[in-house]
Amino acid sequence: MSTEKKMFASLPPSYFPELRREAWGRLFGLGIREARKGAGLSIEQAAPLAGIEVSEWTAIEDGYVPQDQNRLRAMAAAMEISFDRIAMLVLLCREAWEL
């Protein structure tokens, strides 16, 4: 615990939830990126298949976490993976939604 206090001594305590949300969001994005690559798709191919803009898909892979279940289902369908796989990723990274 003392190491954490030294590392983040200059950050206000109110910043920790946002820092935690960002870290979990990036992990979620990494999982989406790996699933997309595993499907053999570029962002430019995957985004239209999911009915979203390339910029939004890029933002998701960079750590933005959509809260719309239909959006997540569309992404799973575009990558031809089960929604359960994305749901497990959501459960793993659930702190990305908690502030």
N, C-alpha and C. Protein backbone atom coordinates (compact mmCIF):
# COMPACT_ATOMS: atom_id res chain seq x y z
N MET A 1 0.82 -1.19 0.00
CA MET A 1 0.00 0.00 0.00
C MET A 1 0.86 1.25 0.00
N SER A 2 1.96 1.23 0.70
CA SER A 2 2.80 2.42 0.75
C SER A 2 3.41 2.71 -0.62
N THR A 3 3.68 1.67 -1.40
CA THR A 3 4.21 1.87 -2.75
C THR A 3 3.18 2.59 -3.61
N GLU A 4 1.90 2.19 -3.48
CA GLU A 4 0.84 2.84 -4.25
C GLU A 4 0.74 4.31 -3.86
N LYS A 5 0.84 4.61 -2.59
CA LYS A 5 0.75 5.99 -2.15
C LYS A 5 1.90 6.81 -2.72
N LYS A 6 3.10 6.25 -2.78
CA LYS A 6 4.24 6.97 -3.33
C LYS A 6 4.08 7.18 -4.83
N MET A 7 3.61 6.13 -5.54
CA MET A 7 3.45 6.23 -6.99
C MET A 7 2.43 7.29 -7.38
N PHE A 8 1.35 7.36 -6.64
CA PHE A 8 0.25 8.25 -6.98
C PHE A 8 0.10 9.41 -6.00
N ALA A 9 1.15 9.75 -5.33
CA ALA A 9 1.08 10.80 -4.31
C ALA A 9 0.61 12.12 -4.88
N SER A 10 0.95 12.41 -6.14
CA SER A 10 0.58 13.71 -6.71
C SER A 10 -0.84 13.73 -7.29
N LEU A 11 -1.49 12.59 -7.36
CA LEU A 11 -2.84 12.53 -7.89
C LEU A 11 -3.86 12.69 -6.77
N PRO A 12 -4.89 13.48 -6.99
CA PRO A 12 -5.94 13.61 -5.98
C PRO A 12 -6.72 12.30 -5.88
N PRO A 13 -7.19 11.94 -4.69
CA PRO A 13 -7.95 10.70 -4.52
C PRO A 13 -9.16 10.59 -5.44
N SER A 14 -9.74 11.72 -5.81
CA SER A 14 -10.91 11.68 -6.69
C SER A 14 -10.55 11.22 -8.10
N TYR A 15 -9.26 11.19 -8.44
CA TYR A 15 -8.83 10.78 -9.77
C TYR A 15 -8.77 9.26 -9.92
N PHE A 16 -8.64 8.54 -8.82
CA PHE A 16 -8.48 7.08 -8.88
C PHE A 16 -9.61 6.38 -9.61
N PRO A 17 -10.88 6.70 -9.38
CA PRO A 17 -11.94 6.00 -10.12
C PRO A 17 -11.81 6.18 -11.64
N GLU A 18 -11.46 7.36 -12.08
CA GLU A 18 -11.30 7.60 -13.51
C GLU A 18 -10.10 6.84 -14.06
N LEU A 19 -9.03 6.80 -13.31
CA LEU A 19 -7.84 6.05 -13.71
C LEU A 19 -8.16 4.56 -13.83
N ARG A 20 -8.91 4.05 -12.89
CA ARG A 20 -9.31 2.65 -12.89
C ARG A 20 -10.24 2.37 -14.09
N ARG A 21 -11.19 3.28 -14.34
CA ARG A 21 -12.10 3.13 -15.47
C ARG A 21 -11.32 3.11 -16.78
N GLU A 22 -10.35 3.98 -16.90
CA GLU A 22 -9.55 4.04 -18.12
C GLU A 22 -8.75 2.76 -18.33
N ALA A 23 -8.16 2.24 -17.28
CA ALA A 23 -7.36 1.02 -17.39
C ALA A 23 -8.24 -0.16 -17.83
N TRP A 24 -9.42 -0.30 -17.22
CA TRP A 24 -10.32 -1.39 -17.60
C TRP A 24 -10.86 -1.19 -19.01
N GLY A 25 -11.09 0.05 -19.39
CA GLY A 25 -11.54 0.35 -20.75
C GLY A 25 -10.50 -0.04 -21.78
N ARG A 26 -9.24 0.23 -21.47
CA ARG A 26 -8.16 -0.16 -22.40
C ARG A 26 -8.06 -1.68 -22.51
N LEU A 27 -8.25 -2.37 -21.41
CA LEU A 27 -8.22 -3.83 -21.45
C LEU A 27 -9.38 -4.36 -22.30
N PHE A 28 -10.56 -3.77 -22.15
CA PHE A 28 -11.70 -4.14 -22.98
C PHE A 28 -11.37 -3.91 -24.44
N GLY A 29 -10.81 -2.76 -24.76
CA GLY A 29 -10.44 -2.44 -26.14
C GLY A 29 -9.44 -3.42 -26.71
N LEU A 30 -8.49 -3.83 -25.90
CA LEU A 30 -7.49 -4.81 -26.34
C LEU A 30 -8.17 -6.14 -26.66
N GLY A 31 -9.13 -6.53 -25.85
CA GLY A 31 -9.87 -7.76 -26.11
C GLY A 31 -10.64 -7.70 -27.42
N ILE A 32 -11.26 -6.55 -27.68
CA ILE A 32 -12.00 -6.35 -28.94
C ILE A 32 -11.03 -6.38 -30.12
N ARG A 33 -9.89 -5.71 -29.98
CA ARG A 33 -8.89 -5.68 -31.05
C ARG A 33 -8.42 -7.10 -31.39
N GLU A 34 -8.13 -7.88 -30.36
CA GLU A 34 -7.66 -9.25 -30.59
C GLU A 34 -8.74 -10.11 -31.24
N ALA A 35 -9.99 -9.92 -30.84
CA ALA A 35 -11.09 -10.67 -31.46
C ALA A 35 -11.25 -10.28 -32.93
N ARG A 36 -11.13 -8.98 -33.21
CA ARG A 36 -11.24 -8.51 -34.60
C ARG A 36 -10.12 -9.08 -35.46
N LYS A 37 -8.91 -8.99 -34.95
CA LYS A 37 -7.78 -9.53 -35.70
C LYS A 37 -7.92 -11.04 -35.88
N GLY A 38 -8.40 -11.72 -34.85
CA GLY A 38 -8.62 -13.15 -34.94
C GLY A 38 -9.64 -13.51 -36.01
N ALA A 39 -10.57 -12.59 -36.26
CA ALA A 39 -11.57 -12.79 -37.31
C ALA A 39 -11.02 -12.43 -38.68
N GLY A 40 -9.80 -11.91 -38.70
CA GLY A 40 -9.18 -11.53 -39.98
C GLY A 40 -9.75 -10.27 -40.58
N LEU A 41 -10.24 -9.36 -39.74
CA LEU A 41 -10.86 -8.12 -40.21
C LEU A 41 -10.03 -6.90 -39.85
N SER A 42 -10.04 -5.93 -40.73
CA SER A 42 -9.49 -4.62 -40.40
C SER A 42 -10.60 -3.83 -39.72
N ILE A 43 -10.26 -2.72 -39.12
CA ILE A 43 -11.29 -1.86 -38.53
C ILE A 43 -12.23 -1.36 -39.62
N GLU A 44 -11.65 -1.04 -40.77
CA GLU A 44 -12.45 -0.53 -41.89
C GLU A 44 -13.44 -1.58 -42.41
N GLN A 45 -13.15 -2.85 -42.23
CA GLN A 45 -14.08 -3.91 -42.63
C GLN A 45 -15.09 -4.19 -41.53
N ALA A 46 -14.64 -4.23 -40.28
CA ALA A 46 -15.50 -4.62 -39.16
C ALA A 46 -16.56 -3.57 -38.84
N ALA A 47 -16.17 -2.31 -38.84
CA ALA A 47 -17.11 -1.25 -38.43
C ALA A 47 -18.39 -1.24 -39.26
N PRO A 48 -18.32 -1.22 -40.60
CA PRO A 48 -19.57 -1.23 -41.36
C PRO A 48 -20.40 -2.50 -41.16
N LEU A 49 -19.73 -3.62 -40.94
CA LEU A 49 -20.46 -4.86 -40.69
C LEU A 49 -21.28 -4.75 -39.40
N ALA A 50 -20.76 -3.97 -38.44
CA ALA A 50 -21.46 -3.78 -37.17
C ALA A 50 -22.41 -2.58 -37.21
N GLY A 51 -22.39 -1.86 -38.32
CA GLY A 51 -23.27 -0.69 -38.45
C GLY A 51 -22.79 0.52 -37.67
N ILE A 52 -21.49 0.63 -37.46
CA ILE A 52 -20.95 1.79 -36.75
C ILE A 52 -19.85 2.44 -37.59
N GLU A 53 -19.50 3.64 -37.21
CA GLU A 53 -18.45 4.38 -37.90
C GLU A 53 -17.08 3.81 -37.54
N VAL A 54 -16.15 3.94 -38.46
CA VAL A 54 -14.78 3.50 -38.22
C VAL A 54 -14.21 4.22 -36.99
N SER A 55 -14.52 5.50 -36.86
CA SER A 55 -14.00 6.29 -35.73
C SER A 55 -14.52 5.75 -34.39
N GLU A 56 -15.76 5.26 -34.36
CA GLU A 56 -16.29 4.70 -33.10
C GLU A 56 -15.60 3.37 -32.78
N TRP A 57 -15.41 2.53 -33.79
CA TRP A 57 -14.73 1.26 -33.55
C TRP A 57 -13.32 1.53 -33.03
N THR A 58 -12.65 2.49 -33.64
CA THR A 58 -11.30 2.86 -33.20
C THR A 58 -11.32 3.33 -31.75
N ALA A 59 -12.31 4.15 -31.41
CA ALA A 59 -12.42 4.64 -30.03
C ALA A 59 -12.64 3.49 -29.06
N ILE A 60 -13.42 2.50 -29.45
CA ILE A 60 -13.67 1.34 -28.59
C ILE A 60 -12.36 0.58 -28.35
N GLU A 61 -11.60 0.37 -29.42
CA GLU A 61 -10.33 -0.33 -29.24
C GLU A 61 -9.33 0.50 -28.44
N ASP A 62 -9.53 1.81 -28.41
CA ASP A 62 -8.65 2.69 -27.62
C ASP A 62 -9.12 2.86 -26.18
N GLY A 63 -10.27 2.26 -25.82
CA GLY A 63 -10.68 2.30 -24.43
C GLY A 63 -12.07 2.83 -24.14
N TYR A 64 -12.77 3.36 -25.15
CA TYR A 64 -14.15 3.77 -24.93
C TYR A 64 -15.00 2.51 -24.85
N VAL A 65 -15.85 2.43 -23.87
CA VAL A 65 -16.67 1.23 -23.69
C VAL A 65 -18.13 1.57 -23.94
N PRO A 66 -18.69 1.02 -25.03
CA PRO A 66 -20.11 1.29 -25.29
C PRO A 66 -20.99 0.63 -24.24
N GLN A 67 -22.06 1.31 -23.87
CA GLN A 67 -22.95 0.76 -22.86
C GLN A 67 -24.21 0.18 -23.47
N ASP A 68 -24.32 0.24 -24.79
CA ASP A 68 -25.48 -0.26 -25.50
C ASP A 68 -25.27 -1.74 -25.85
N GLN A 69 -26.08 -2.60 -25.28
CA GLN A 69 -25.95 -4.03 -25.51
C GLN A 69 -26.13 -4.38 -26.98
N ASN A 70 -27.01 -3.65 -27.68
CA ASN A 70 -27.21 -3.91 -29.11
C ASN A 70 -25.95 -3.61 -29.91
N ARG A 71 -25.23 -2.59 -29.51
CA ARG A 71 -23.97 -2.26 -30.18
C ARG A 71 -22.97 -3.40 -29.99
N LEU A 72 -22.89 -3.92 -28.77
CA LEU A 72 -21.98 -5.02 -28.49
C LEU A 72 -22.38 -6.28 -29.26
N ARG A 73 -23.68 -6.52 -29.37
CA ARG A 73 -24.16 -7.68 -30.15
C ARG A 73 -23.80 -7.53 -31.63
N ALA A 74 -23.95 -6.33 -32.16
CA ALA A 74 -23.61 -6.07 -33.56
C ALA A 74 -22.12 -6.27 -33.81
N MET A 75 -21.31 -5.87 -32.84
CA MET A 75 -19.86 -6.07 -32.98
C MET A 75 -19.52 -7.56 -32.97
N ALA A 76 -20.16 -8.30 -32.10
CA ALA A 76 -19.93 -9.74 -32.04
C ALA A 76 -20.33 -10.39 -33.37
N ALA A 77 -21.46 -9.99 -33.90
CA ALA A 77 -21.93 -10.55 -35.18
C ALA A 77 -20.96 -10.19 -36.30
N ALA A 78 -20.46 -8.97 -36.31
CA ALA A 78 -19.51 -8.55 -37.35
C ALA A 78 -18.24 -9.38 -37.32
N MET A 79 -17.81 -9.77 -36.12
CA MET A 79 -16.59 -10.57 -35.99
C MET A 79 -16.87 -12.07 -36.04
N GLU A 80 -18.18 -12.40 -36.16
CA GLU A 80 -18.62 -13.78 -36.18
C GLU A 80 -18.14 -14.56 -34.95
N ILE A 81 -18.32 -13.91 -33.80
CA ILE A 81 -18.04 -14.56 -32.52
C ILE A 81 -19.33 -14.55 -31.71
N SER A 82 -19.40 -15.39 -30.71
CA SER A 82 -20.61 -15.42 -29.89
C SER A 82 -20.66 -14.16 -29.01
N PHE A 83 -21.89 -13.74 -28.76
CA PHE A 83 -22.05 -12.60 -27.85
C PHE A 83 -21.51 -12.95 -26.47
N ASP A 84 -21.56 -14.22 -26.11
CA ASP A 84 -21.05 -14.65 -24.81
C ASP A 84 -19.58 -14.27 -24.63
N ARG A 85 -18.83 -14.31 -25.70
CA ARG A 85 -17.41 -13.95 -25.61
C ARG A 85 -17.25 -12.48 -25.23
N ILE A 86 -18.04 -11.62 -25.85
CA ILE A 86 -17.99 -10.20 -25.49
C ILE A 86 -18.57 -9.99 -24.10
N ALA A 87 -19.61 -10.73 -23.76
CA ALA A 87 -20.21 -10.60 -22.43
C ALA A 87 -19.20 -10.96 -21.34
N MET A 88 -18.40 -11.99 -21.60
CA MET A 88 -17.36 -12.37 -20.62
C MET A 88 -16.33 -11.25 -20.49
N LEU A 89 -16.00 -10.63 -21.60
CA LEU A 89 -15.06 -9.51 -21.58
C LEU A 89 -15.65 -8.34 -20.80
N VAL A 90 -16.94 -8.11 -20.99
CA VAL A 90 -17.64 -7.06 -20.25
C VAL A 90 -17.57 -7.35 -18.75
N LEU A 91 -17.84 -8.60 -18.37
CA LEU A 91 -17.78 -8.95 -16.94
C LEU A 91 -16.38 -8.78 -16.37
N LEU A 92 -15.38 -9.19 -17.14
CA LEU A 92 -14.01 -9.03 -16.70
C LEU A 92 -13.66 -7.56 -16.50
N CYS A 93 -14.11 -6.74 -17.42
CA CYS A 93 -13.74 -5.31 -17.42
C CYS A 93 -14.85 -4.42 -16.88
N ARG A 94 -15.73 -4.97 -16.06
CA ARG A 94 -16.92 -4.22 -15.62
C ARG A 94 -16.61 -2.91 -14.93
N GLU A 95 -15.41 -2.77 -14.38
CA GLU A 95 -15.09 -1.51 -13.73
C GLU A 95 -14.94 -0.38 -14.72
N ALA A 96 -14.87 -0.68 -16.02
CA ALA A 96 -14.83 0.37 -17.03
C ALA A 96 -16.14 1.15 -17.06
N TRP A 97 -17.22 0.54 -16.57
CA TRP A 97 -18.52 1.19 -16.56
C TRP A 97 -18.82 1.84 -15.21
N GLU A 98 -18.03 1.54 -14.20
CA GLU A 98 -18.32 2.02 -12.85
C GLU A 98 -17.47 3.24 -12.52
N LEU A 99 -18.13 4.30 -12.16
CA LEU A 99 -17.42 5.51 -11.73
C LEU A 99 -17.86 5.89 -10.34
